[in-house]
Amino acid sequence: MSVVEQRRLGHSTLDVSAIGLGCMGLSGVYGPADDAQSLTLIQRAIDLGVNHLDSSDMYGWGHNEEVIGRALKGRRDRVVLTTKFGQVQNPGGPNQVNGRPEYVVQACDASLKRLGVEVIDLYYQHRVDPKVPIEETVGGMKRCIEQGKVRFLGLSEAAPDTVRRAHRVHPITALQSEYSVLYRKEAEETLPTLRELGISFVAYSPLGRSLLTGQIQKPQDLPEGDRRLAHPRFQGENLVRNIHLVQKLEAIAREKGCTPGQLVLAWLLAQGRDVVAIPGTKRIDRLQENLAALKVKLTDEDVRRISDTAPVGAAAGGRYPEAQLKAVYI
């Protein structure tokens, strides 16, 4: 097994690879996925030293957890296993959120069964339920710890005040939200609170849903059925503007002798040792490319230059479609 830089999550005992594996794409979100290839990818990631696997009961509505469970047979002790609860299906409309304490326990039991494990290392609320006080939801999550089903707790897409209120009920180990050089306003607003409380930041979509890799030049580059086609950043003039922004970053990457994806991952990890990334991929070559970002050395001036090249607010288009934006950062 390879050795990958590890970072401690919050005040927990969880040491995770600085670059982990976000598994959402293994359940058909970004075009078709093949379970056999997914099993090979996950096991290869573990062999390469990636010990941070991130899932959710919402990814494929259970399919993702089942695939990970199969991949972990004989390897459970080599990974920090994280999953999420809270989003529920709403046929014909956007997902709904259920943060009721009794639902937390039910969702946890279902995830454990699908994953085929006895305990989840880090259990997140996937989206904050505005109808249920966060104190009540975290109370339900705390019960999962007391029952020995969960080791540590996390939140996803929670605003600073929500994090503070949750942390008073039970220590929060990590906050997971979108964070990249492209979309970072909310992350940078949240980090001071997290650092005050000793909470780590787990960055999802650190490659801007692949936009920052330079591989997307037009909407036709995305497969039919790919959910990204509904995202404003990939539409019309927004995409044109964003590609122009990425081209500026590509120029810096060439100077540093790396790919643009590696450059922006290195930039993200340079924001502090309390930040880790979970880029997703379905391909082993992309997995290896992402891990090679750990070898990219950036000076303080490099970090500033990258930040200035893609300043806060420079991205064209919101990070979610309008209906979904209402469910984040609350």
C-alpha atoms as a PDB file:
ATOM      1  CA  MET A   1       0.000   0.000   0.000  1.00  0.00           C
ATOM      2  CA  SER A   2       1.270   3.470  -0.855  1.00  0.00           C
ATOM      3  CA  VAL A   3       1.726   6.202   1.729  1.00  0.00           C
ATOM      4  CA  VAL A   4      -0.421   9.305   1.241  1.00  0.00           C
ATOM      5  CA  GLU A   5      -0.247  12.430   3.384  1.00  0.00           C
ATOM      6  CA  GLN A   6      -2.830  12.259   6.153  1.00  0.00           C
ATOM      7  CA  ARG A   7      -4.559  14.976   8.127  1.00  0.00           C
ATOM      8  CA  ARG A   8      -6.469  14.727  11.408  1.00  0.00           C
ATOM      9  CA  LEU A   9     -10.182  15.591  11.268  1.00  0.00           C
ATOM     10  CA  GLY A  10     -11.076  18.092  13.968  1.00  0.00           C
ATOM     11  CA  HIS A  11     -10.595  16.857  17.529  1.00  0.00           C
ATOM     12  CA  SER A  12     -11.396  13.273  16.508  1.00  0.00           C
ATOM     13  CA  THR A  13      -9.064  10.292  16.214  1.00  0.00           C
ATOM     14  CA  LEU A  14      -9.694  10.081  12.465  1.00  0.00           C
ATOM     15  CA  ASP A  15      -6.619  10.519  10.277  1.00  0.00           C
ATOM     16  CA  VAL A  16      -7.626  10.733   6.620  1.00  0.00           C
ATOM     17  CA  SER A  17      -5.741  11.009   3.363  1.00  0.00           C
ATOM     18  CA  ALA A  18      -5.503  14.674   2.396  1.00  0.00           C
ATOM     19  CA  ILE A  19      -7.096  13.673  -0.892  1.00  0.00           C
ATOM     20  CA  GLY A  20      -9.922  11.205  -0.473  1.00  0.00           C
ATOM     21  CA  LEU A  21     -12.494   9.750  -2.841  1.00  0.00           C
ATOM     22  CA  GLY A  22     -15.951  11.222  -3.280  1.00  0.00           C
ATOM     23  CA  CYS A  23     -18.092   8.323  -4.463  1.00  0.00           C
ATOM     24  CA  MET A  24     -21.232  10.076  -5.746  1.00  0.00           C
ATOM     25  CA  GLY A  25     -20.291   9.629  -9.395  1.00  0.00           C
ATOM     26  CA  LEU A  26     -20.275   5.849  -8.976  1.00  0.00           C
ATOM     27  CA  SER A  27     -24.070   5.879  -8.919  1.00  0.00           C
ATOM     28  CA  GLY A  28     -24.901   7.307 -12.332  1.00  0.00           C
ATOM     29  CA  VAL A  29     -25.011  10.985 -11.419  1.00  0.00           C
ATOM     30  CA  TYR A  30     -22.443  11.998 -14.042  1.00  0.00           C
ATOM     31  CA  GLY A  31     -23.515   9.612 -16.752  1.00  0.00           C
ATOM     32  CA  PRO A  32     -23.590   5.785 -16.573  1.00  0.00           C
ATOM     33  CA  ALA A  33     -21.417   3.964 -14.052  1.00  0.00           C
ATOM     34  CA  ASP A  34     -20.343   0.324 -14.055  1.00  0.00           C
ATOM     35  CA  ASP A  35     -20.376  -1.467 -10.697  1.00  0.00           C
ATOM     36  CA  ALA A  36     -17.484  -3.770 -11.561  1.00  0.00           C
ATOM     37  CA  GLN A  37     -15.340  -0.806 -12.554  1.00  0.00           C
ATOM     38  CA  SER A  38     -16.423   1.011  -9.401  1.00  0.00           C
ATOM     39  CA  LEU A  39     -15.316  -1.903  -7.225  1.00  0.00           C
ATOM     40  CA  THR A  40     -11.939  -1.935  -8.950  1.00  0.00           C
ATOM     41  CA  LEU A  41     -11.595   1.840  -8.555  1.00  0.00           C
ATOM     42  CA  ILE A  42     -12.356   1.827  -4.828  1.00  0.00           C
ATOM     43  CA  GLN A  43      -9.996  -1.051  -4.139  1.00  0.00           C
ATOM     44  CA  ARG A  44      -7.258   0.559  -6.216  1.00  0.00           C
ATOM     45  CA  ALA A  45      -7.749   3.815  -4.317  1.00  0.00           C
ATOM     46  CA  ILE A  46      -7.256   1.973  -1.034  1.00  0.00           C
ATOM     47  CA  ASP A  47      -4.123   0.272  -2.371  1.00  0.00           C
ATOM     48  CA  LEU A  48      -2.776   3.693  -3.388  1.00  0.00           C
ATOM     49  CA  GLY A  49      -3.209   4.941   0.193  1.00  0.00           C
ATOM     50  CA  VAL A  50      -6.584   6.669  -0.050  1.00  0.00           C
ATOM     51  CA  ASN A  51      -8.354   5.860   3.205  1.00  0.00           C
ATOM     52  CA  HIS A  52     -11.151   8.478   3.078  1.00  0.00           C
ATOM     53  CA  LEU A  53     -14.296   7.261   1.296  1.00  0.00           C
ATOM     54  CA  ASP A  54     -17.338   9.524   1.159  1.00  0.00           C
ATOM     55  CA  SER A  55     -20.863   8.351   0.374  1.00  0.00           C
ATOM     56  CA  SER A  56     -24.510   9.209   1.096  1.00  0.00           C
ATOM     57  CA  ASP A  57     -27.760   7.312   1.277  1.00  0.00           C
ATOM     58  CA  MET A  58     -28.977   9.727  -1.411  1.00  0.00           C
ATOM     59  CA  TYR A  59     -26.393   8.676  -4.021  1.00  0.00           C
ATOM     60  CA  GLY A  60     -28.371   6.252  -6.134  1.00  0.00           C
ATOM     61  CA  TRP A  61     -30.799   6.019  -3.190  1.00  0.00           C
ATOM     62  CA  GLY A  62     -28.785   3.302  -1.475  1.00  0.00           C
ATOM     63  CA  HIS A  63     -26.904   1.961  -4.489  1.00  0.00           C
ATOM     64  CA  ASN A  64     -23.707   3.853  -3.635  1.00  0.00           C
ATOM     65  CA  GLU A  65     -23.489   2.469  -0.115  1.00  0.00           C
ATOM     66  CA  GLU A  66     -24.110  -1.061  -1.392  1.00  0.00           C
ATOM     67  CA  VAL A  67     -21.261  -0.763  -3.908  1.00  0.00           C
ATOM     68  CA  ILE A  68     -18.896   0.561  -1.252  1.00  0.00           C
ATOM     69  CA  GLY A  69     -19.939  -2.220   1.097  1.00  0.00           C
ATOM     70  CA  ARG A  70     -18.996  -4.804  -1.503  1.00  0.00           C
ATOM     71  CA  ALA A  71     -15.674  -3.088  -2.189  1.00  0.00           C
ATOM     72  CA  LEU A  72     -14.758  -3.006   1.503  1.00  0.00           C
ATOM     73  CA  LYS A  73     -15.013  -6.731   2.172  1.00  0.00           C
ATOM     74  CA  GLY A  74     -11.668  -7.597   3.754  1.00  0.00           C
ATOM     75  CA  ARG A  75     -10.590  -3.945   3.691  1.00  0.00           C
ATOM     76  CA  ARG A  76     -12.829  -2.271   6.271  1.00  0.00           C
ATOM     77  CA  ASP A  77      -9.985  -1.641   8.709  1.00  0.00           C
ATOM     78  CA  ARG A  78      -8.067   0.332   6.060  1.00  0.00           C
ATOM     79  CA  VAL A  79     -10.589   3.116   5.545  1.00  0.00           C
ATOM     80  CA  VAL A  80     -12.339   5.976   7.282  1.00  0.00           C
ATOM     81  CA  LEU A  81     -15.907   5.413   6.122  1.00  0.00           C
ATOM     82  CA  THR A  82     -18.245   8.380   5.913  1.00  0.00           C
ATOM     83  CA  THR A  83     -21.820   8.653   4.746  1.00  0.00           C
ATOM     84  CA  LYS A  84     -24.753  11.032   5.054  1.00  0.00           C
ATOM     85  CA  PHE A  85     -28.480  11.100   5.726  1.00  0.00           C
ATOM     86  CA  GLY A  86     -31.271  13.627   5.420  1.00  0.00           C
ATOM     87  CA  GLN A  87     -32.262  13.950   1.785  1.00  0.00           C
ATOM     88  CA  VAL A  88     -35.433  12.079   0.859  1.00  0.00           C
ATOM     89  CA  GLN A  89     -37.066  11.448  -2.477  1.00  0.00           C
ATOM     90  CA  ASN A  90     -39.831  13.716  -3.705  1.00  0.00           C
ATOM     91  CA  PRO A  91     -41.176  12.295  -6.997  1.00  0.00           C
ATOM     92  CA  GLY A  92     -41.707  15.057  -9.521  1.00  0.00           C
ATOM     93  CA  GLY A  93     -39.896  17.710  -7.502  1.00  0.00           C
ATOM     94  CA  PRO A  94     -36.600  18.553  -5.784  1.00  0.00           C
ATOM     95  CA  ASN A  95     -35.424  16.352  -2.940  1.00  0.00           C
ATOM     96  CA  GLN A  96     -36.898  17.056   0.458  1.00  0.00           C
ATOM     97  CA  VAL A  97     -35.035  17.011   3.769  1.00  0.00           C
ATOM     98  CA  ASN A  98     -35.869  15.071   6.924  1.00  0.00           C
ATOM     99  CA  GLY A  99     -33.960  16.037  10.056  1.00  0.00           C
ATOM    100  CA  ARG A 100     -36.324  14.554  12.631  1.00  0.00           C
ATOM    101  CA  PRO A 101     -34.431  12.712  15.397  1.00  0.00           C
ATOM    102  CA  GLU A 102     -36.334   9.463  14.947  1.00  0.00           C
ATOM    103  CA  TYR A 103     -35.552   9.503  11.220  1.00  0.00           C
ATOM    104  CA  VAL A 104     -31.839   9.922  11.912  1.00  0.00           C
ATOM    105  CA  VAL A 105     -31.721   6.582  13.724  1.00  0.00           C
ATOM    106  CA  GLN A 106     -33.771   4.846  11.022  1.00  0.00           C
ATOM    107  CA  ALA A 107     -31.525   6.211   8.266  1.00  0.00           C
ATOM    108  CA  CYS A 108     -28.396   5.185  10.149  1.00  0.00           C
ATOM    109  CA  ASP A 109     -29.621   1.613  10.562  1.00  0.00           C
ATOM    110  CA  ALA A 110     -30.419   1.406   6.848  1.00  0.00           C
ATOM    111  CA  SER A 111     -26.979   2.738   5.881  1.00  0.00           C
ATOM    112  CA  LEU A 112     -25.213   0.278   8.173  1.00  0.00           C
ATOM    113  CA  LYS A 113     -27.093  -2.596   6.551  1.00  0.00           C
ATOM    114  CA  ARG A 114     -26.293  -1.471   3.009  1.00  0.00           C
ATOM    115  CA  LEU A 115     -22.648  -0.844   3.846  1.00  0.00           C
ATOM    116  CA  GLY A 116     -22.382  -4.174   5.618  1.00  0.00           C
ATOM    117  CA  VAL A 117     -20.514  -2.658   8.576  1.00  0.00           C
ATOM    118  CA  GLU A 118     -21.102  -2.312  12.306  1.00  0.00           C
ATOM    119  CA  VAL A 119     -20.104   1.324  12.652  1.00  0.00           C
ATOM    120  CA  ILE A 120     -19.850   4.455  10.497  1.00  0.00           C
ATOM    121  CA  ASP A 121     -16.723   6.494  11.237  1.00  0.00           C
ATOM    122  CA  LEU A 122     -18.168   9.906  10.358  1.00  0.00           C
ATOM    123  CA  TYR A 123     -21.900  10.482   9.902  1.00  0.00           C
ATOM    124  CA  TYR A 124     -23.105  13.703   8.290  1.00  0.00           C
ATOM    125  CA  GLN A 125     -26.432  15.444   8.034  1.00  0.00           C
ATOM    126  CA  HIS A 126     -26.473  15.901   4.248  1.00  0.00           C
ATOM    127  CA  ARG A 127     -28.658  18.996   4.244  1.00  0.00           C
ATOM    128  CA  VAL A 128     -29.955  21.083   7.144  1.00  0.00           C
ATOM    129  CA  ASP A 129     -33.700  20.691   7.676  1.00  0.00           C
ATOM    130  CA  PRO A 130     -35.116  24.210   8.154  1.00  0.00           C
ATOM    131  CA  LYS A 131     -38.264  22.727   9.720  1.00  0.00           C
ATOM    132  CA  VAL A 132     -36.394  20.947  12.535  1.00  0.00           C
ATOM    133  CA  PRO A 133     -34.112  22.757  15.015  1.00  0.00           C
ATOM    134  CA  ILE A 134     -30.543  21.647  14.428  1.00  0.00           C
ATOM    135  CA  GLU A 135     -30.305  20.856  18.136  1.00  0.00           C
ATOM    136  CA  GLU A 136     -32.963  18.167  17.751  1.00  0.00           C
ATOM    137  CA  THR A 137     -31.333  16.637  14.675  1.00  0.00           C
ATOM    138  CA  VAL A 138     -27.902  16.493  16.320  1.00  0.00           C
ATOM    139  CA  GLY A 139     -29.579  14.988  19.383  1.00  0.00           C
ATOM    140  CA  GLY A 140     -30.698  12.121  17.153  1.00  0.00           C
ATOM    141  CA  MET A 141     -27.212  11.825  15.683  1.00  0.00           C
ATOM    142  CA  LYS A 142     -25.767  11.754  19.193  1.00  0.00           C
ATOM    143  CA  ARG A 143     -27.988   8.798  19.998  1.00  0.00           C
ATOM    144  CA  CYS A 144     -26.385   6.906  17.126  1.00  0.00           C
ATOM    145  CA  ILE A 145     -23.022   7.440  18.839  1.00  0.00           C
ATOM    146  CA  GLU A 146     -24.419   6.306  22.178  1.00  0.00           C
ATOM    147  CA  GLN A 147     -25.733   3.150  20.494  1.00  0.00           C
ATOM    148  CA  GLY A 148     -22.287   2.402  19.051  1.00  0.00           C
ATOM    149  CA  LYS A 149     -23.398   2.850  15.429  1.00  0.00           C
ATOM    150  CA  VAL A 150     -21.431   6.019  14.681  1.00  0.00           C
ATOM    151  CA  ARG A 151     -18.074   7.315  15.901  1.00  0.00           C
ATOM    152  CA  PHE A 152     -18.072  11.020  14.963  1.00  0.00           C
ATOM    153  CA  LEU A 153     -20.502  13.599  13.590  1.00  0.00           C
ATOM    154  CA  GLY A 154     -20.448  16.012  10.669  1.00  0.00           C
ATOM    155  CA  LEU A 155     -22.652  18.530   8.902  1.00  0.00           C
ATOM    156  CA  SER A 156     -22.934  19.372   5.213  1.00  0.00           C
ATOM    157  CA  GLU A 157     -23.814  22.772   3.758  1.00  0.00           C
ATOM    158  CA  ALA A 158     -24.458  24.311   7.174  1.00  0.00           C
ATOM    159  CA  ALA A 159     -23.928  28.020   7.790  1.00  0.00           C
ATOM    160  CA  PRO A 160     -21.678  29.200  10.656  1.00  0.00           C
ATOM    161  CA  ASP A 161     -24.486  29.894  13.158  1.00  0.00           C
ATOM    162  CA  THR A 162     -25.979  26.452  12.499  1.00  0.00           C
ATOM    163  CA  VAL A 163     -22.584  24.871  13.086  1.00  0.00           C
ATOM    164  CA  ARG A 164     -22.221  26.687  16.410  1.00  0.00           C
ATOM    165  CA  ARG A 165     -25.651  25.559  17.605  1.00  0.00           C
ATOM    166  CA  ALA A 166     -24.996  21.960  16.562  1.00  0.00           C
ATOM    167  CA  HIS A 167     -21.573  21.923  18.211  1.00  0.00           C
ATOM    168  CA  ARG A 168     -23.131  22.865  21.572  1.00  0.00           C
ATOM    169  CA  VAL A 169     -25.204  19.680  21.514  1.00  0.00           C
ATOM    170  CA  HIS A 170     -22.350  17.380  20.505  1.00  0.00           C
ATOM    171  CA  PRO A 171     -18.876  18.073  19.098  1.00  0.00           C
ATOM    172  CA  ILE A 172     -18.875  18.340  15.309  1.00  0.00           C
ATOM    173  CA  THR A 173     -15.792  16.843  13.672  1.00  0.00           C
ATOM    174  CA  ALA A 174     -16.129  18.099  10.106  1.00  0.00           C
ATOM    175  CA  LEU A 175     -18.148  20.346   7.861  1.00  0.00           C
ATOM    176  CA  GLN A 176     -18.514  19.191   4.273  1.00  0.00           C
ATOM    177  CA  SER A 177     -19.377  21.800   1.662  1.00  0.00           C
ATOM    178  CA  GLU A 178     -18.393  22.781  -1.847  1.00  0.00           C
ATOM    179  CA  TYR A 179     -14.997  24.484  -1.876  1.00  0.00           C
ATOM    180  CA  SER A 180     -12.700  25.216  -4.776  1.00  0.00           C
ATOM    181  CA  VAL A 181     -10.869  28.182  -6.233  1.00  0.00           C
ATOM    182  CA  LEU A 182     -13.980  28.624  -8.399  1.00  0.00           C
ATOM    183  CA  TYR A 183     -16.593  28.648  -5.604  1.00  0.00           C
ATOM    184  CA  ARG A 184     -15.186  29.661  -2.244  1.00  0.00           C
ATOM    185  CA  LYS A 185     -17.094  32.632  -0.825  1.00  0.00           C
ATOM    186  CA  GLU A 186     -19.177  30.602   1.642  1.00  0.00           C
ATOM    187  CA  ALA A 187     -16.258  28.361   2.560  1.00  0.00           C
ATOM    188  CA  GLU A 188     -14.060  31.326   3.403  1.00  0.00           C
ATOM    189  CA  GLU A 189     -16.878  32.861   5.451  1.00  0.00           C
ATOM    190  CA  THR A 190     -17.222  29.598   7.406  1.00  0.00           C
ATOM    191  CA  LEU A 191     -13.580  28.708   8.041  1.00  0.00           C
ATOM    192  CA  PRO A 192     -13.018  31.207  10.898  1.00  0.00           C
ATOM    193  CA  THR A 193     -15.887  29.641  12.862  1.00  0.00           C
ATOM    194  CA  LEU A 194     -14.619  26.145  12.158  1.00  0.00           C
ATOM    195  CA  ARG A 195     -11.128  27.053  13.290  1.00  0.00           C
ATOM    196  CA  GLU A 196     -12.445  28.615  16.474  1.00  0.00           C
ATOM    197  CA  LEU A 197     -14.311  25.384  17.256  1.00  0.00           C
ATOM    198  CA  GLY A 198     -11.650  22.944  16.033  1.00  0.00           C
ATOM    199  CA  ILE A 199     -13.702  21.564  13.123  1.00  0.00           C
ATOM    200  CA  SER A 200     -12.162  20.411   9.820  1.00  0.00           C
ATOM    201  CA  PHE A 201     -13.386  21.368   6.361  1.00  0.00           C
ATOM    202  CA  VAL A 202     -14.033  18.528   3.899  1.00  0.00           C
ATOM    203  CA  ALA A 203     -14.176  20.059   0.426  1.00  0.00           C
ATOM    204  CA  TYR A 204     -16.467  18.413  -2.078  1.00  0.00           C
ATOM    205  CA  SER A 205     -16.370  19.344  -5.781  1.00  0.00           C
ATOM    206  CA  PRO A 206     -12.812  20.707  -5.343  1.00  0.00           C
ATOM    207  CA  LEU A 207     -12.431  20.461  -9.124  1.00  0.00           C
ATOM    208  CA  GLY A 208     -15.579  22.497  -9.770  1.00  0.00           C
ATOM    209  CA  ARG A 209     -17.456  19.385 -10.972  1.00  0.00           C
ATOM    210  CA  SER A 210     -14.589  18.824 -13.463  1.00  0.00           C
ATOM    211  CA  LEU A 211     -14.671  22.373 -14.851  1.00  0.00           C
ATOM    212  CA  LEU A 212     -11.278  23.131 -13.279  1.00  0.00           C
ATOM    213  CA  THR A 213      -9.610  20.152 -14.971  1.00  0.00           C
ATOM    214  CA  GLY A 214      -9.782  21.899 -18.341  1.00  0.00           C
ATOM    215  CA  GLN A 215     -11.490  18.867 -19.884  1.00  0.00           C
ATOM    216  CA  ILE A 216     -14.835  20.629 -20.424  1.00  0.00           C
ATOM    217  CA  GLN A 217     -14.829  23.030 -23.362  1.00  0.00           C
ATOM    218  CA  LYS A 218     -18.508  22.903 -24.410  1.00  0.00           C
ATOM    219  CA  PRO A 219     -21.787  21.383 -23.144  1.00  0.00           C
ATOM    220  CA  GLN A 220     -21.391  18.553 -25.660  1.00  0.00           C
ATOM    221  CA  ASP A 221     -18.371  17.349 -23.663  1.00  0.00           C
ATOM    222  CA  LEU A 222     -20.780  16.129 -20.969  1.00  0.00           C
ATOM    223  CA  PRO A 223     -22.578  12.796 -21.533  1.00  0.00           C
ATOM    224  CA  GLU A 224     -26.333  12.756 -22.100  1.00  0.00           C
ATOM    225  CA  GLY A 225     -28.183  12.529 -18.803  1.00  0.00           C
ATOM    226  CA  ASP A 226     -25.299  14.099 -16.890  1.00  0.00           C
ATOM    227  CA  ARG A 227     -26.745  16.128 -14.018  1.00  0.00           C
ATOM    228  CA  ARG A 228     -24.183  18.875 -14.542  1.00  0.00           C
ATOM    229  CA  LEU A 229     -26.073  20.006 -17.647  1.00  0.00           C
ATOM    230  CA  ALA A 230     -28.665  21.499 -15.275  1.00  0.00           C
ATOM    231  CA  HIS A 231     -26.023  23.505 -13.414  1.00  0.00           C
ATOM    232  CA  PRO A 232     -25.723  27.176 -14.343  1.00  0.00           C
ATOM    233  CA  ARG A 233     -21.918  27.039 -14.512  1.00  0.00           C
ATOM    234  CA  PHE A 234     -22.131  24.726 -17.548  1.00  0.00           C
ATOM    235  CA  GLN A 235     -24.751  26.702 -19.458  1.00  0.00           C
ATOM    236  CA  GLY A 236     -24.393  29.141 -22.353  1.00  0.00           C
ATOM    237  CA  GLU A 237     -22.391  32.286 -21.727  1.00  0.00           C
ATOM    238  CA  ASN A 238     -21.604  31.149 -18.188  1.00  0.00           C
ATOM    239  CA  LEU A 239     -19.644  28.206 -19.543  1.00  0.00           C
ATOM    240  CA  VAL A 240     -17.784  30.438 -22.017  1.00  0.00           C
ATOM    241  CA  ARG A 241     -16.733  32.796 -19.218  1.00  0.00           C
ATOM    242  CA  ASN A 242     -15.738  29.966 -16.914  1.00  0.00           C
ATOM    243  CA  ILE A 243     -13.633  28.281 -19.594  1.00  0.00           C
ATOM    244  CA  HIS A 244     -11.794  31.584 -20.111  1.00  0.00           C
ATOM    245  CA  LEU A 245     -11.104  31.670 -16.363  1.00  0.00           C
ATOM    246  CA  VAL A 246      -9.824  28.087 -16.365  1.00  0.00           C
ATOM    247  CA  GLN A 247      -7.520  28.870 -19.278  1.00  0.00           C
ATOM    248  CA  LYS A 248      -5.752  31.429 -17.094  1.00  0.00           C
ATOM    249  CA  LEU A 249      -5.237  28.761 -14.452  1.00  0.00           C
ATOM    250  CA  GLU A 250      -3.981  26.346 -17.103  1.00  0.00           C
ATOM    251  CA  ALA A 251      -1.212  28.813 -17.929  1.00  0.00           C
ATOM    252  CA  ILE A 252      -0.044  28.746 -14.303  1.00  0.00           C
ATOM    253  CA  ALA A 253      -0.263  24.945 -14.266  1.00  0.00           C
ATOM    254  CA  ARG A 254       2.040  24.742 -17.265  1.00  0.00           C
ATOM    255  CA  GLU A 255       4.576  26.875 -15.433  1.00  0.00           C
ATOM    256  CA  LYS A 256       4.395  24.538 -12.437  1.00  0.00           C
ATOM    257  CA  GLY A 257       4.642  21.419 -14.583  1.00  0.00           C
ATOM    258  CA  CYS A 258       1.298  19.996 -13.524  1.00  0.00           C
ATOM    259  CA  THR A 259      -2.273  19.689 -14.776  1.00  0.00           C
ATOM    260  CA  PRO A 260      -4.827  22.405 -13.915  1.00  0.00           C
ATOM    261  CA  GLY A 261      -6.675  19.919 -11.713  1.00  0.00           C
ATOM    262  CA  GLN A 262      -3.513  19.208  -9.747  1.00  0.00           C
ATOM    263  CA  LEU A 263      -2.837  22.927  -9.419  1.00  0.00           C
ATOM    264  CA  VAL A 264      -6.212  23.731  -7.888  1.00  0.00           C
ATOM    265  CA  LEU A 265      -6.101  20.714  -5.556  1.00  0.00           C
ATOM    266  CA  ALA A 266      -2.674  21.827  -4.338  1.00  0.00           C
ATOM    267  CA  TRP A 267      -4.059  25.356  -3.878  1.00  0.00           C
ATOM    268  CA  LEU A 268      -6.950  24.024  -1.817  1.00  0.00           C
ATOM    269  CA  LEU A 269      -4.749  21.915   0.446  1.00  0.00           C
ATOM    270  CA  ALA A 270      -2.506  24.952   0.955  1.00  0.00           C
ATOM    271  CA  GLN A 271      -5.401  26.750   2.673  1.00  0.00           C
ATOM    272  CA  GLY A 272      -4.626  24.909   5.906  1.00  0.00           C
ATOM    273  CA  ARG A 273      -4.068  21.467   7.373  1.00  0.00           C
ATOM    274  CA  ASP A 274      -7.669  21.517   8.560  1.00  0.00           C
ATOM    275  CA  VAL A 275      -8.810  21.305   4.928  1.00  0.00           C
ATOM    276  CA  VAL A 276      -9.056  18.013   3.005  1.00  0.00           C
ATOM    277  CA  ALA A 277     -10.463  17.287  -0.448  1.00  0.00           C
ATOM    278  CA  ILE A 278     -12.706  14.519  -1.764  1.00  0.00           C
ATOM    279  CA  PRO A 279     -12.635  14.780  -5.571  1.00  0.00           C
ATOM    280  CA  GLY A 280     -14.786  12.222  -7.312  1.00  0.00           C
ATOM    281  CA  THR A 281     -13.933  10.136 -10.346  1.00  0.00           C
ATOM    282  CA  LYS A 282     -14.888   6.892 -12.061  1.00  0.00           C
ATOM    283  CA  ARG A 283     -11.450   6.405 -13.644  1.00  0.00           C
ATOM    284  CA  ILE A 284      -8.229   5.070 -12.163  1.00  0.00           C
ATOM    285  CA  ASP A 285      -6.065   7.368 -14.308  1.00  0.00           C
ATOM    286  CA  ARG A 286      -7.929  10.411 -12.936  1.00  0.00           C
ATOM    287  CA  LEU A 287      -7.591   9.046  -9.416  1.00  0.00           C
ATOM    288  CA  GLN A 288      -3.829   8.794  -9.891  1.00  0.00           C
ATOM    289  CA  GLU A 289      -3.700  12.266 -11.411  1.00  0.00           C
ATOM    290  CA  ASN A 290      -5.544  13.711  -8.413  1.00  0.00           C
ATOM    291  CA  LEU A 291      -3.229  12.017  -5.927  1.00  0.00           C
ATOM    292  CA  ALA A 292      -0.198  13.404  -7.766  1.00  0.00           C
ATOM    293  CA  ALA A 293      -1.405  16.858  -6.701  1.00  0.00           C
ATOM    294  CA  LEU A 294       0.159  16.044  -3.330  1.00  0.00           C
ATOM    295  CA  LYS A 295       3.572  16.370  -5.003  1.00  0.00           C
ATOM    296  CA  VAL A 296       2.871  19.852  -6.393  1.00  0.00           C
ATOM    297  CA  LYS A 297       4.712  22.409  -4.289  1.00  0.00           C
ATOM    298  CA  LEU A 298       3.270  25.912  -4.200  1.00  0.00           C
ATOM    299  CA  THR A 299       4.958  28.934  -2.662  1.00  0.00           C
ATOM    300  CA  ASP A 300       2.923  31.507  -0.775  1.00  0.00           C
ATOM    301  CA  GLU A 301       3.216  33.705  -3.842  1.00  0.00           C
ATOM    302  CA  ASP A 302       1.881  30.889  -6.039  1.00  0.00           C
ATOM    303  CA  VAL A 303      -1.137  30.530  -3.763  1.00  0.00           C
ATOM    304  CA  ARG A 304      -1.809  34.276  -3.889  1.00  0.00           C
ATOM    305  CA  ARG A 305      -1.427  34.338  -7.670  1.00  0.00           C
ATOM    306  CA  ILE A 306      -3.923  31.515  -8.132  1.00  0.00           C
ATOM    307  CA  SER A 307      -6.364  33.235  -5.788  1.00  0.00           C
ATOM    308  CA  ASP A 308      -5.999  36.497  -7.678  1.00  0.00           C
ATOM    309  CA  THR A 309      -6.407  34.784 -11.055  1.00  0.00           C
ATOM    310  CA  ALA A 310      -9.790  33.406  -9.987  1.00  0.00           C
ATOM    311  CA  PRO A 311     -10.949  35.867  -7.315  1.00  0.00           C
ATOM    312  CA  VAL A 312     -14.017  35.329  -5.165  1.00  0.00           C
ATOM    313  CA  GLY A 313     -17.122  35.836  -7.278  1.00  0.00           C
ATOM    314  CA  ALA A 314     -15.357  35.406 -10.620  1.00  0.00           C
ATOM    315  CA  ALA A 315     -17.218  32.202 -11.507  1.00  0.00           C
ATOM    316  CA  ALA A 316     -20.207  32.679 -13.805  1.00  0.00           C
ATOM    317  CA  GLY A 317     -23.411  30.991 -12.663  1.00  0.00           C
ATOM    318  CA  GLY A 318     -24.485  29.784  -9.243  1.00  0.00           C
ATOM    319  CA  ARG A 319     -23.131  26.539  -7.897  1.00  0.00           C
ATOM    320  CA  TYR A 320     -26.571  24.883  -8.017  1.00  0.00           C
ATOM    321  CA  PRO A 321     -29.802  25.391  -9.940  1.00  0.00           C
ATOM    322  CA  GLU A 322     -32.023  27.948  -8.209  1.00  0.00           C
ATOM    323  CA  ALA A 323     -34.286  25.433  -6.440  1.00  0.00           C
ATOM    324  CA  GLN A 324     -31.316  23.570  -4.947  1.00  0.00           C
ATOM    325  CA  LEU A 325     -29.573  26.754  -3.850  1.00  0.00           C
ATOM    326  CA  LYS A 326     -32.362  27.259  -1.308  1.00  0.00           C
ATOM    327  CA  ALA A 327     -31.262  24.084   0.471  1.00  0.00           C
ATOM    328  CA  VAL A 328     -27.588  24.952   0.992  1.00  0.00           C
ATOM    329  CA  TYR A 329     -25.693  27.108   3.467  1.00  0.00           C
ATOM    330  CA  ILE A 330     -28.474  27.358   6.031  1.00  0.00           C
END
